[in-house]
Amino acid sequence: MNPLSVLLPGFEGTELPEWVASRLADGMAGVCLFATNVGTPEQLRRLTDDIVRRGGRRRHAALPGRRLAIPRKRDPRSP
């Protein structure tokens, strides 16, 4: 099991830092978004799209107290 697959770290700013993008590509579970990560609805959409693009099909973005839906591609290996 990849130890990154259970991590959901937070980060500062409204753009995905390179260290987060790199770890998403290496299998990190996703990120936890806070108020400091959200500017406008359009910016939030770009950020979550970037999380999915960098991390692949099964990455998550979570907001404390709620889950933020991110479109995911269906795994063709799943029934």
Protein backbone atom coordinates (compact mmCIF):
# COMPACT_ATOMS: atom_id res chain seq x y z
CA MET A 1 0.00 0.00 0.00
CA ASN A 2 1.25 3.45 -0.92
CA PRO A 3 1.40 5.56 2.28
CA LEU A 4 0.45 8.65 0.25
CA SER A 5 -2.90 7.02 -0.57
CA VAL A 6 -4.33 7.99 2.83
CA LEU A 7 -3.14 11.61 2.99
CA LEU A 8 -5.35 14.70 2.49
CA PRO A 9 -3.10 17.66 3.32
CA GLY A 10 -4.06 21.31 3.17
CA PHE A 11 -2.06 24.09 1.51
CA GLU A 12 -2.00 27.90 1.31
CA GLY A 13 -3.28 29.85 -1.67
CA THR A 14 -5.77 29.58 -4.50
CA GLU A 15 -3.53 27.63 -6.90
CA LEU A 16 -2.26 24.07 -6.57
CA PRO A 17 1.37 24.17 -5.34
CA GLU A 18 3.89 22.06 -7.23
CA TRP A 19 4.65 19.93 -4.15
CA VAL A 20 0.95 18.97 -3.94
CA ALA A 21 0.68 18.32 -7.69
CA SER A 22 3.75 16.09 -7.54
CA ARG A 23 2.41 14.04 -4.65
CA LEU A 24 -1.01 13.71 -6.30
CA ALA A 25 0.76 12.25 -9.33
CA ASP A 26 2.55 9.86 -6.96
CA GLY A 27 -0.74 8.58 -5.52
CA MET A 28 -1.70 10.95 -2.69
CA ALA A 29 -5.43 10.59 -1.85
CA GLY A 30 -6.27 14.26 -2.40
CA VAL A 31 -6.30 17.58 -0.58
CA CYS A 32 -8.27 19.36 2.11
CA LEU A 33 -9.45 22.79 0.97
CA PHE A 34 -9.94 25.67 3.38
CA ALA A 35 -11.34 29.20 3.04
CA THR A 36 -7.89 30.46 2.03
CA ASN A 37 -8.08 28.21 -1.05
CA VAL A 38 -11.36 29.65 -2.32
CA GLY A 39 -11.68 32.94 -4.19
CA THR A 40 -14.52 32.77 -6.71
CA PRO A 41 -16.64 29.88 -7.98
CA GLU A 42 -14.68 29.95 -11.26
CA GLN A 43 -11.33 29.83 -9.45
CA LEU A 44 -12.54 26.96 -7.27
CA ARG A 45 -13.59 25.06 -10.39
CA ARG A 46 -10.14 25.59 -11.95
CA LEU A 47 -8.49 24.41 -8.73
CA THR A 48 -10.58 21.25 -8.44
CA ASP A 49 -10.09 20.54 -12.17
CA ASP A 50 -6.33 20.85 -11.60
CA ILE A 51 -6.52 18.42 -8.66
CA VAL A 52 -8.29 15.85 -10.84
CA ARG A 53 -5.96 16.44 -13.81
CA ARG A 54 -2.81 16.09 -11.70
CA GLY A 55 -4.03 13.24 -9.53
CA GLY A 56 -6.11 11.14 -11.83
CA ARG A 57 -9.44 9.44 -11.44
CA ARG A 58 -9.73 8.84 -7.69
CA ARG A 59 -8.55 12.00 -5.98
CA HIS A 60 -10.62 13.89 -3.46
CA ALA A 61 -10.91 17.48 -2.36
CA ALA A 62 -12.48 17.90 1.06
CA LEU A 63 -13.76 20.94 2.88
CA PRO A 64 -13.85 20.73 6.67
CA GLY A 65 -17.34 19.61 7.61
CA ARG A 66 -18.41 18.79 4.06
CA ARG A 67 -17.29 16.95 0.97
CA LEU A 68 -16.69 18.79 -2.26
CA ALA A 69 -17.87 16.85 -5.28
CA ILE A 70 -15.29 16.49 -8.04
CA PRO A 71 -16.16 14.76 -11.29
CA ARG A 72 -14.25 11.52 -11.66
CA LYS A 73 -13.76 9.17 -14.53
CA ARG A 74 -15.12 5.70 -13.95
CA ASP A 75 -12.48 3.03 -13.44
CA PRO A 76 -12.94 0.57 -16.34
CA ARG A 77 -11.75 -2.25 -14.04
CA SER A 78 -14.63 -1.68 -11.61
CA PRO A 79 -17.81 -3.75 -11.99
